[in-house]
Each structure stands twice: as C-alpha cells, then as structure tokens.
Protein backbone atom coordinates (compact mmCIF):
# COMPACT_ATOMS: atom_id res chain seq x y z
CA UNK A 1 31.99 -61.45 -8.98
CA UNK A 2 30.10 -58.18 -9.14
CA UNK A 3 29.33 -56.59 -5.81
CA UNK A 4 25.64 -56.15 -4.98
CA UNK A 5 24.40 -52.59 -4.89
CA UNK A 6 23.39 -51.17 -1.56
CA UNK A 7 20.14 -49.43 -0.70
CA UNK A 8 16.71 -50.72 0.13
CA UNK A 9 15.68 -54.16 -0.99
CA UNK A 10 13.49 -54.37 -4.07
CA UNK A 11 9.83 -54.75 -3.15
CA UNK A 12 10.39 -54.25 0.57
CA UNK A 13 8.34 -51.04 0.79
CA UNK A 14 5.40 -51.80 -1.52
CA UNK A 15 2.89 -53.06 1.04
CA UNK A 16 0.92 -49.81 1.10
CA UNK A 17 1.87 -49.02 4.69
CA UNK A 18 5.14 -48.20 6.43
CA UNK A 19 6.72 -47.60 9.83
CA UNK A 20 8.10 -44.26 11.01
CA UNK A 21 10.65 -44.41 13.76
CA UNK A 22 9.29 -43.36 17.17
CA UNK A 23 5.92 -42.55 15.59
CA UNK A 24 4.27 -45.77 14.44
CA UNK A 25 2.67 -47.32 11.35
CA UNK A 26 1.21 -45.12 8.62
CA UNK A 27 -0.48 -45.30 5.23
CA UNK A 28 -0.31 -42.76 2.40
CA UNK A 29 -3.55 -41.29 1.06
CA UNK A 30 -3.73 -38.46 -1.46
CA UNK A 31 -0.39 -36.96 -0.40
CA UNK A 32 -1.33 -37.25 3.28
CA UNK A 33 0.17 -39.57 5.90
CA UNK A 34 -2.58 -41.25 7.94
CA UNK A 35 -2.12 -43.51 11.01
CA UNK A 36 -2.76 -47.23 10.54
CA UNK A 37 -5.27 -48.29 13.20
CA UNK A 38 -6.19 -51.58 14.85
CA UNK A 39 -9.72 -52.96 15.14
CA UNK A 40 -10.33 -50.74 18.20
CA UNK A 41 -9.37 -47.60 16.30
CA UNK A 42 -6.04 -47.18 18.10
CA UNK A 43 -2.91 -46.13 16.23
CA UNK A 44 -0.52 -49.09 15.84
CA UNK A 45 2.82 -47.84 17.16
CA UNK A 46 4.76 -51.05 17.86
CA UNK A 47 7.41 -51.59 15.19
CA UNK A 48 7.36 -55.39 15.61
CA UNK A 49 3.56 -55.62 15.32
CA UNK A 50 2.22 -58.87 13.88
CA UNK A 51 2.29 -58.75 10.07
CA UNK A 52 -1.19 -60.28 9.86
CA UNK A 53 -2.60 -57.55 12.12
CA UNK A 54 -1.02 -54.91 9.89
CA UNK A 55 -2.53 -56.47 6.76
CA UNK A 56 -5.98 -56.55 8.36
CA UNK A 57 -5.63 -52.92 9.47
CA UNK A 58 -4.68 -51.91 5.93
CA UNK A 59 -7.63 -53.86 4.52
CA UNK A 60 -9.98 -51.98 6.87
CA UNK A 61 -8.46 -48.70 5.69
CA UNK A 62 -9.10 -49.60 2.02
CA UNK A 63 -12.68 -50.63 2.81
CA UNK A 64 -13.35 -47.36 4.65
CA UNK A 65 -11.80 -45.46 1.76
CA UNK A 66 -14.05 -47.22 -0.76
CA UNK A 67 -17.11 -46.44 1.37
CA UNK A 68 -16.09 -42.78 1.47
CA UNK A 69 -15.75 -42.74 -2.32
CA UNK A 70 -19.25 -44.18 -2.68
CA UNK A 71 -20.60 -41.42 -0.44
CA UNK A 72 -18.65 -38.81 -2.44
CA UNK A 73 -20.21 -40.10 -5.66
CA UNK A 74 -23.60 -38.95 -4.34
CA UNK A 75 -22.39 -35.37 -3.82
CA UNK A 76 -23.78 -33.04 -6.48
CA UNK A 77 -22.21 -29.96 -8.00
CA UNK A 78 -24.81 -27.86 -6.16
CA UNK A 79 -23.83 -29.42 -2.80
CA UNK A 80 -20.21 -28.43 -3.36
CA UNK A 81 -21.05 -24.91 -4.55
CA UNK A 82 -23.34 -24.22 -1.59
CA UNK A 83 -20.71 -25.42 0.89
CA UNK A 84 -18.08 -23.25 -0.78
CA UNK A 85 -20.28 -20.13 -0.76
CA UNK A 86 -21.12 -20.58 2.94
CA UNK A 87 -17.39 -20.65 3.65
CA UNK A 88 -16.57 -17.75 1.30
CA UNK A 89 -19.26 -15.55 2.83
CA UNK A 90 -17.54 -15.53 6.22
CA UNK A 91 -13.92 -15.85 5.07
CA UNK A 92 -13.66 -13.77 1.89
CA UNK A 93 -14.26 -10.30 0.51
CA UNK A 94 -17.92 -9.27 0.12
CA UNK A 95 -17.56 -8.38 -3.56
CA UNK A 96 -15.79 -11.68 -4.33
CA UNK A 97 -18.54 -13.64 -2.60
CA UNK A 98 -21.26 -11.69 -4.42
CA UNK A 99 -19.70 -12.19 -7.85
CA UNK A 100 -19.01 -15.89 -7.32
CA UNK A 101 -22.49 -16.47 -5.93
CA UNK A 102 -23.94 -15.04 -9.16
CA UNK A 103 -21.57 -17.14 -11.28
CA UNK A 104 -22.24 -20.40 -9.43
CA UNK A 105 -25.99 -19.73 -9.42
CA UNK A 106 -25.85 -19.42 -13.20
CA UNK A 107 -23.72 -22.57 -13.46
CA UNK A 108 -25.98 -24.67 -11.24
CA UNK A 109 -29.43 -23.44 -12.27
CA UNK A 110 -28.90 -21.99 -15.76
CA UNK A 111 -30.67 -18.76 -14.77
CA UNK A 112 -29.63 -15.07 -14.71
CA UNK A 113 -28.46 -13.71 -11.32
CA UNK A 114 -31.65 -11.63 -10.99
CA UNK A 115 -33.42 -14.81 -9.85
CA UNK A 116 -30.94 -15.51 -7.03
CA UNK A 117 -31.91 -14.66 -3.47
CA UNK A 118 -29.38 -12.02 -2.49
CA UNK A 119 -29.21 -13.37 1.07
CA UNK A 120 -28.45 -16.86 -0.21
CA UNK A 121 -27.45 -18.89 -3.27
CA UNK A 122 -30.67 -20.62 -4.25
CA UNK A 123 -33.49 -19.30 -6.46
CA UNK A 124 -36.17 -16.87 -5.27
CA UNK A 125 -39.73 -17.92 -4.57
CA UNK A 126 -41.75 -16.92 -7.61
CA UNK A 127 -45.37 -16.57 -8.65
CA UNK A 128 -46.75 -18.62 -11.54
CA UNK A 129 -46.32 -15.67 -13.90
CA UNK A 130 -42.75 -15.12 -12.73
CA UNK A 131 -41.95 -18.81 -13.22
CA UNK A 132 -43.24 -18.60 -16.78
CA UNK A 133 -41.08 -15.54 -17.38
CA UNK A 134 -38.11 -17.31 -15.79
CA UNK A 135 -38.46 -20.32 -18.09
CA UNK A 136 -38.19 -17.98 -21.07
CA UNK A 137 -35.00 -16.48 -19.65
CA UNK A 138 -33.32 -19.80 -18.91
CA UNK A 139 -29.83 -19.71 -20.41
CA UNK A 140 -28.92 -23.41 -20.24
CA UNK A 141 -30.16 -26.56 -18.42
CA UNK A 142 -27.90 -26.05 -15.38
CA UNK A 143 -25.37 -28.48 -13.93
CA UNK A 144 -26.24 -28.32 -10.22
CA UNK A 145 -27.98 -31.70 -10.05
CA UNK A 146 -25.10 -33.47 -11.78
CA UNK A 147 -22.95 -35.68 -9.50
CA UNK A 148 -19.71 -33.76 -9.03
CA UNK A 149 -17.69 -36.81 -10.06
CA UNK A 150 -19.44 -36.83 -13.47
CA UNK A 151 -18.74 -33.19 -14.30
CA UNK A 152 -16.27 -32.86 -17.18
CA UNK A 153 -14.67 -30.36 -19.55
CA UNK A 154 -17.48 -30.74 -22.08
CA UNK A 155 -19.94 -29.34 -19.52
CA UNK A 156 -17.74 -26.26 -19.08
CA UNK A 157 -17.58 -25.83 -22.86
CA UNK A 158 -21.38 -26.06 -23.04
CA UNK A 159 -21.77 -23.51 -20.24
CA UNK A 160 -19.42 -20.99 -21.83
CA UNK A 161 -20.94 -21.40 -25.30
CA UNK A 162 -24.31 -20.39 -23.79
CA UNK A 163 -22.75 -17.05 -22.80
CA UNK A 164 -21.31 -15.59 -25.99
CA UNK A 165 -21.42 -12.09 -24.48
CA UNK A 166 -18.98 -12.93 -21.67
CA UNK A 167 -15.91 -12.60 -23.88
CA UNK A 168 -12.99 -11.74 -21.58
CA UNK A 169 -14.99 -12.58 -18.45
CA UNK A 170 -14.87 -16.33 -19.05
CA UNK A 171 -11.61 -16.83 -17.16
CA UNK A 172 -12.86 -15.42 -13.87
CA UNK A 173 -16.10 -17.40 -14.09
CA UNK A 174 -14.34 -20.70 -14.77
CA UNK A 175 -12.01 -19.83 -11.90
CA UNK A 176 -15.04 -19.51 -9.60
CA UNK A 177 -16.18 -23.04 -10.49
CA UNK A 178 -12.64 -24.37 -10.01
CA UNK A 179 -12.36 -22.72 -6.60
CA UNK A 180 -15.63 -24.29 -5.48
CA UNK A 181 -14.54 -27.76 -6.62
CA UNK A 182 -11.08 -27.37 -5.04
CA UNK A 183 -12.84 -26.47 -1.79
CA UNK A 184 -14.86 -29.68 -2.11
CA UNK A 185 -11.61 -31.66 -2.42
CA UNK A 186 -10.08 -29.90 0.60
CA UNK A 187 -13.15 -30.74 2.70
CA UNK A 188 -13.22 -34.37 1.48
CA UNK A 189 -16.61 -33.87 -0.14
CA UNK A 190 -15.24 -35.12 -3.47
CA UNK A 191 -12.17 -37.17 -4.34
CA UNK A 192 -10.75 -34.83 -6.98
CA UNK A 193 -11.51 -31.74 -9.02
CA UNK A 194 -13.11 -33.12 -12.23
CA UNK A 195 -12.19 -30.04 -14.30
CA UNK A 196 -8.64 -29.70 -13.06
CA UNK A 197 -6.39 -28.60 -15.92
CA UNK A 198 -9.16 -26.87 -17.90
CA UNK A 199 -7.62 -23.79 -19.46
CA UNK A 200 -8.76 -20.76 -21.40
CA UNK A 201 -6.68 -18.43 -23.50
CA UNK A 202 -5.63 -15.33 -21.59
CA UNK A 203 -7.79 -12.35 -22.51
CA UNK A 204 -6.37 -9.23 -24.12
CA UNK A 205 -8.06 -6.73 -21.81
CA UNK A 206 -6.36 -3.35 -21.70
CA UNK A 207 -5.70 -0.93 -18.88
CA UNK A 208 -7.67 2.18 -19.82
CA UNK A 209 -7.39 5.67 -18.41
CA UNK A 210 -9.28 8.95 -18.66
CA UNK A 211 -7.65 12.01 -20.22
CA UNK A 212 -8.04 15.44 -18.55
CA UNK A 213 -10.29 16.54 -21.43
CA UNK A 214 -12.54 13.50 -21.03
CA UNK A 215 -12.60 14.03 -17.27
CA UNK A 216 -13.79 17.62 -17.69
CA UNK A 217 -16.52 16.51 -20.11
CA UNK A 218 -17.71 13.96 -17.56
CA UNK A 219 -18.08 16.63 -14.89
CA UNK A 220 -20.12 18.78 -17.27
CA UNK A 221 -22.62 16.01 -18.11
CA UNK A 222 -22.83 14.03 -14.84
CA UNK A 223 -25.17 14.77 -11.94
CA UNK A 224 -23.44 16.20 -8.82
CA UNK A 225 -23.30 12.88 -6.98
CA UNK A 226 -21.73 10.98 -9.88
CA UNK A 227 -19.35 13.88 -10.51
CA UNK A 228 -18.19 13.59 -6.89
CA UNK A 229 -17.69 9.84 -7.23
CA UNK A 230 -15.56 10.18 -10.37
CA UNK A 231 -13.56 13.13 -9.02
CA UNK A 232 -12.78 11.42 -5.71
CA UNK A 233 -11.90 8.05 -7.27
CA UNK A 234 -9.55 9.62 -9.82
CA UNK A 235 -7.76 11.72 -7.20
CA UNK A 236 -7.48 9.02 -4.50
CA UNK A 237 -7.17 5.78 -6.46
CA UNK A 238 -9.80 4.23 -4.19
CA UNK A 239 -11.50 1.03 -5.32
CA UNK A 240 -14.92 2.37 -6.14
CA UNK A 241 -16.95 -0.56 -4.81
CA UNK A 242 -15.09 -1.67 -1.69
CA UNK A 243 -13.44 1.58 -0.55
CA UNK A 244 -15.16 4.68 -1.95
CA UNK A 245 -18.69 3.26 -1.55
CA UNK A 246 -17.95 1.83 1.91
CA UNK A 247 -16.22 4.87 3.45
CA UNK A 248 -17.71 5.94 6.78
CA UNK A 249 -16.82 8.68 9.24
CA UNK A 250 -14.95 6.11 11.35
CA UNK A 251 -12.49 5.45 8.50
CA UNK A 252 -11.40 9.10 8.25
CA UNK A 253 -8.32 10.48 10.02
CA UNK A 254 -8.17 14.24 9.44
CA UNK A 255 -4.78 15.89 10.03
CA UNK A 256 -5.90 19.32 8.83
CA UNK A 257 -3.58 19.83 5.87
CA UNK A 258 -3.80 16.18 4.88
CA UNK A 259 -6.13 13.24 5.42
CA UNK A 260 -6.10 9.44 5.65
CA UNK A 261 -8.79 6.88 4.99
CA UNK A 262 -7.89 3.81 7.03
CA UNK A 263 -9.50 0.41 6.35
CA UNK A 264 -8.97 -2.70 8.46
CA UNK A 265 -7.54 -5.83 6.78
CA UNK A 266 -10.92 -7.57 7.14
CA UNK A 267 -12.53 -4.83 5.01
CA UNK A 268 -10.10 -5.10 2.10
CA UNK A 269 -9.94 -7.62 -0.74
CA UNK A 270 -6.31 -8.66 -0.17
CA UNK A 271 -6.70 -8.74 3.63
CA UNK A 272 -4.07 -6.06 4.23
CA UNK A 273 -4.46 -2.80 6.09
CA UNK A 274 -5.27 -0.10 3.54
CA UNK A 275 -4.38 3.55 4.03
CA UNK A 276 -5.46 6.05 1.36
CA UNK A 277 -3.45 9.27 1.69
CA UNK A 278 -5.03 12.52 0.52
CA UNK A 279 -3.52 15.99 0.15
CA UNK A 280 -5.87 17.49 -2.44
CA UNK A 281 -7.81 20.33 -0.72
CA UNK A 282 -10.89 19.80 -2.89
CA UNK A 283 -11.21 16.09 -2.08
CA UNK A 284 -10.59 16.72 1.62
CA UNK A 285 -13.34 19.34 1.68
CA UNK A 286 -15.77 17.02 -0.14
CA UNK A 287 -14.99 14.30 2.41
CA UNK A 288 -15.53 16.62 5.38
CA UNK A 289 -18.86 17.91 4.06
CA UNK A 290 -20.18 14.42 3.30
CA UNK A 291 -18.99 13.06 6.67
CA UNK A 292 -20.78 15.91 8.44
CA UNK A 293 -23.96 15.32 6.47
CA UNK A 294 -23.97 11.52 6.87
CA UNK A 295 -22.41 10.71 10.24
CA UNK A 296 -23.90 7.19 10.21
CA UNK A 297 -23.11 4.68 7.48
CA UNK A 298 -21.33 5.36 4.18
CA UNK A 299 -20.79 9.07 3.57
CA UNK A 300 -20.94 9.08 -0.24
CA UNK A 301 -24.54 8.89 -1.49
CA UNK A 302 -26.31 8.83 -4.86
CA UNK A 303 -28.96 11.25 -6.10
CA UNK A 304 -31.75 9.65 -4.02
CA UNK A 305 -29.72 9.77 -0.81
CA UNK A 306 -28.85 6.08 -0.49
CA UNK A 307 -25.25 4.82 -0.27
CA UNK A 308 -23.54 4.09 -3.55
CA UNK A 309 -23.16 0.43 -4.43
CA UNK A 310 -20.75 -1.11 -6.88
CA UNK A 311 -23.45 -2.11 -9.36
CA UNK A 312 -25.43 1.12 -9.54
CA UNK A 313 -22.22 3.17 -9.70
CA UNK A 314 -21.04 1.07 -12.65
CA UNK A 315 -24.43 1.44 -14.32
CA UNK A 316 -24.45 5.23 -13.87
CA UNK A 317 -20.97 5.41 -15.40
CA UNK A 318 -22.11 3.42 -18.44
CA UNK A 319 -25.11 5.72 -18.84
CA UNK A 320 -22.82 8.75 -18.68
CA UNK A 321 -20.54 7.14 -21.25
CA UNK A 322 -23.47 6.81 -23.68
CA UNK A 323 -24.50 10.41 -23.03
CA UNK A 324 -20.99 11.63 -23.77
CA UNK A 325 -20.93 9.62 -27.00
CA UNK A 326 -24.11 11.40 -28.12
CA UNK A 327 -22.34 14.70 -27.43
CA UNK A 328 -19.37 13.65 -29.56
CA UNK A 329 -17.06 12.79 -26.65
CA UNK A 330 -15.75 9.27 -27.23
CA UNK A 331 -14.25 7.25 -24.39
CA UNK A 332 -12.19 4.12 -24.84
CA UNK A 333 -14.33 1.04 -25.54
CA UNK A 334 -13.06 -0.63 -22.34
CA UNK A 335 -13.45 2.50 -20.20
CA UNK A 336 -15.41 1.82 -17.01
CA UNK A 337 -15.65 3.10 -13.45
CA UNK A 338 -12.48 1.18 -12.56
CA UNK A 339 -10.63 3.30 -15.14
CA UNK A 340 -10.63 6.05 -12.50
CA UNK A 341 -8.19 3.94 -10.49
CA UNK A 342 -6.04 3.31 -13.57
CA UNK A 343 -6.04 7.06 -14.23
CA UNK A 344 -4.77 7.68 -10.70
CA UNK A 345 -1.93 5.21 -11.33
CA UNK A 346 -0.87 6.85 -14.60
CA UNK A 347 -0.93 10.36 -13.17
CA UNK A 348 0.97 9.40 -10.01
CA UNK A 349 3.69 7.65 -12.01
CA UNK A 350 4.09 10.62 -14.33
CA UNK A 351 3.91 13.30 -11.61
CA UNK A 352 0.72 14.88 -12.99
CA UNK A 353 -0.28 16.47 -9.66
CA UNK A 354 3.04 16.74 -7.82
CA UNK A 355 5.35 17.53 -10.71
CA UNK A 356 7.58 14.67 -9.53
CA UNK A 357 7.35 11.29 -11.30
CA UNK A 358 7.44 8.31 -8.95
CA UNK A 359 8.29 4.62 -9.25
CA UNK A 360 6.31 1.39 -9.23
CA UNK A 361 7.16 0.52 -5.61
CA UNK A 362 5.78 3.82 -4.31
CA UNK A 363 2.68 3.49 -6.49
CA UNK A 364 2.07 -0.02 -5.12
CA UNK A 365 2.00 1.33 -1.56
CA UNK A 366 -0.35 4.16 -2.54
CA UNK A 367 -2.75 1.77 -4.31
CA UNK A 368 -2.68 -1.06 -1.78
CA UNK A 369 -1.28 -3.49 -4.38
CA UNK A 370 1.88 -5.55 -4.58
CA UNK A 371 4.72 -4.17 -6.74
CA UNK A 372 4.31 -7.19 -9.03
CA UNK A 373 0.67 -6.37 -9.77
CA UNK A 374 1.57 -2.75 -10.49
CA UNK A 375 4.42 -3.79 -12.79
CA UNK A 376 2.10 -6.04 -14.79
CA UNK A 377 -0.47 -3.27 -15.30
CA UNK A 378 1.33 0.06 -15.17
CA UNK A 379 5.02 -0.35 -16.01
CA UNK A 380 4.52 1.16 -19.48
CA UNK A 381 3.56 4.46 -17.81
CA UNK A 382 6.55 4.65 -15.46
CA UNK A 383 9.22 7.01 -16.79
CA UNK A 384 11.53 6.41 -13.81
CA UNK A 385 11.45 2.62 -14.23
CA UNK A 386 12.07 2.91 -17.97
CA UNK A 387 15.04 5.31 -17.68
CA UNK A 388 17.56 2.50 -16.96
CA UNK A 389 16.55 0.85 -20.24
CA UNK A 390 17.45 3.99 -22.19
CA UNK A 391 20.70 4.34 -20.26
CA UNK A 392 21.60 0.74 -21.08
CA UNK A 393 21.42 1.34 -24.84
C-alpha cells in the first residue's frame, strides 16, 4: 500500500485567514498581512479561538473591504493627481514637481500649462474674454473628472494622440501619470493602478555636444549674460536649471587656486550631496565677480537683472540657436542648453582641458551621477574604458 505523502493537509489553509505562532490571527490583503479583529476591534491572538468567532471576524473584514472599494470608486483622477502633487511638492525636487504639475494639469483639464496657477495645480481665475480664448486652446476634453477606477489604456492613447508634437517626451509624461496613480494605490485612495503595464517604445534621443567651433560662435552672437551661462555650464558640468541658476554666495567655497560649489542633498534632484569642483581661472573669476555683485539670492542673472530660471534660459538658448542658423552656423537638431553638460562629460573623458583622459567612475563623481547613468550616456566617448576592448582583440 502506497505511503501517504507528508506536508500540509489539502484545503486546510484556504479559509482566508491564518494563525501565526506567538502573534495571533491574520488575513492577507493586497500582499499585506492584517490582524483579524473581534467585534470590539481587538486583535484575536488566542490560537484556540472559537471557529465561529473567526468566521464572523473574517466576514466583517470582507464587508469593510467592500465598503472601502465603494468609497474608492468615487475617487476621481483629479483627486489622485492633486494628492500626489501636494506630496511631491514637499518631498521631491522642485523641477520634477513643476514638470509633473504641468503634465497632470494637461491630463486632467485638457489645457496648456499657461492656464495653471503656478502656486497650485488647478486652473487660473479668468475673465470672460480669457475663458473664450482658453476654450479655443483646449487640447482635449480632459480626464480629471473620470473615476480613477474607470481610467484605461484607451484614454492614455487618446491623450497622447492629441499631442503629436511631444514625440520623444511621451514616456516621461506617461510616467508622471503612472506615478500619481501608484501614489493613490500606496495611500489606499484607489485599489489598483488602472494603467499599470502601459508601455511606450523607448525613444531614440541622442546625447548631443557642442564643438569648440560652435562654442566660439555662440559667444560671438550671445549677449554677455547668456555667454556667461553657456561658458560656466560647459566648464563645470552644472545642471543649468537646478545648480547654475540656483547658485548663491552661500554655496561657494573659495580655496584661492580652486573652488567648490556645495549643494545640500535636499537641493539636488537625486538627494545626494553635490560638490562641483572648479579649477578654471576664468570661471572662478566670473563666480567671484557675480557673488560680489549679488550677495543675496542667486548670483547668475539675465540681461534684466533677475535670476536665471530653467525655462527662460532654455528659451534664450533656442533663440541663439536660430540666430546662429541664420549666420550659417548649424547646431545639432537635438542641441539644447543641457548639451552644455554633455559637452563637459565628453571633454572630461577625453582630457580636453587637462590633457589626461579619465574614466567613467571619475566622471560620475564629477557630474553627481551614478556610474551606471554615465555608462549609458557617455561610454562611447571614454577612450580609457574602451582600451580593454582593443586589447582583447
């Protein structure tokens, strides 16, 4: 006669609740272990508790869960997005919050970001004439009033098709919506992310850099303030919006023959202390002069004397790019203000300023990135890291 197999008995653990030794009775809910409670709300901890009491406790749990689901079904997409943006404003990078606020405003209201209150996420108060103008600029109906549980992939398709000019920017915008919905799940506002699994093809954006000849042409056609911005960003590798534009006198540590710009983790996108090391005499002198002139607030200013901001610096760069094109100086199609940082990376790796090529790990420390990020973007420019490949063949 065949011997019976050991192990747990079939069907002995399928009641929906279970006992944990020395801890009590529990029930599983969305990958979490929750205590099973009696009618007084107390955790049932006795292993030999009456089976009928356990069944009634589990029935109460299911009823409460169903009630919670009914409440969640009334939560709109706008409710989730507003809650997420309130959290992101105090717990994330300023630029990330700003960009996602614009994206989610567009998604919820179907309007361009110019109609968003910059101190909030809802629309501005408008006059009758402005409302008429706004209706003409409406991009799509908006999905903010839709119950979050009813949102689906077709709505995302409709949203993206209304923005044919986004091209490679679709991924980051869909990611913003996903992050908001995931936040809603984490805070038990909604039961699940309705667009989980939605994917877009990875864009083919290229890392662009500025040649020395193009750089010189920029200096000849830019106003002095924009010239300073480009020169400093190329030589330091600073992020133009969150580091260059935010630099104050308090960030500067001057050692005489060298200089450091030190940012706290709370001021940086990746929440790590950022130290920008500078040895170029020209950049150090520019920094000292600007810090002396503007001892309060950001030291780098535009032509009207106000601190540079990410958006107006990007716009001035695009204007300069058009001006150069009219003069016969063509920049790469994808060239933008951030290309100054890419240019720094290429020149550091190839020893443009020092005469000594360096490796990806050193570049990562200089740029405030992880080595993995630098490998993904800049490995093709690293002669040192490519030497072993030539030696191997």
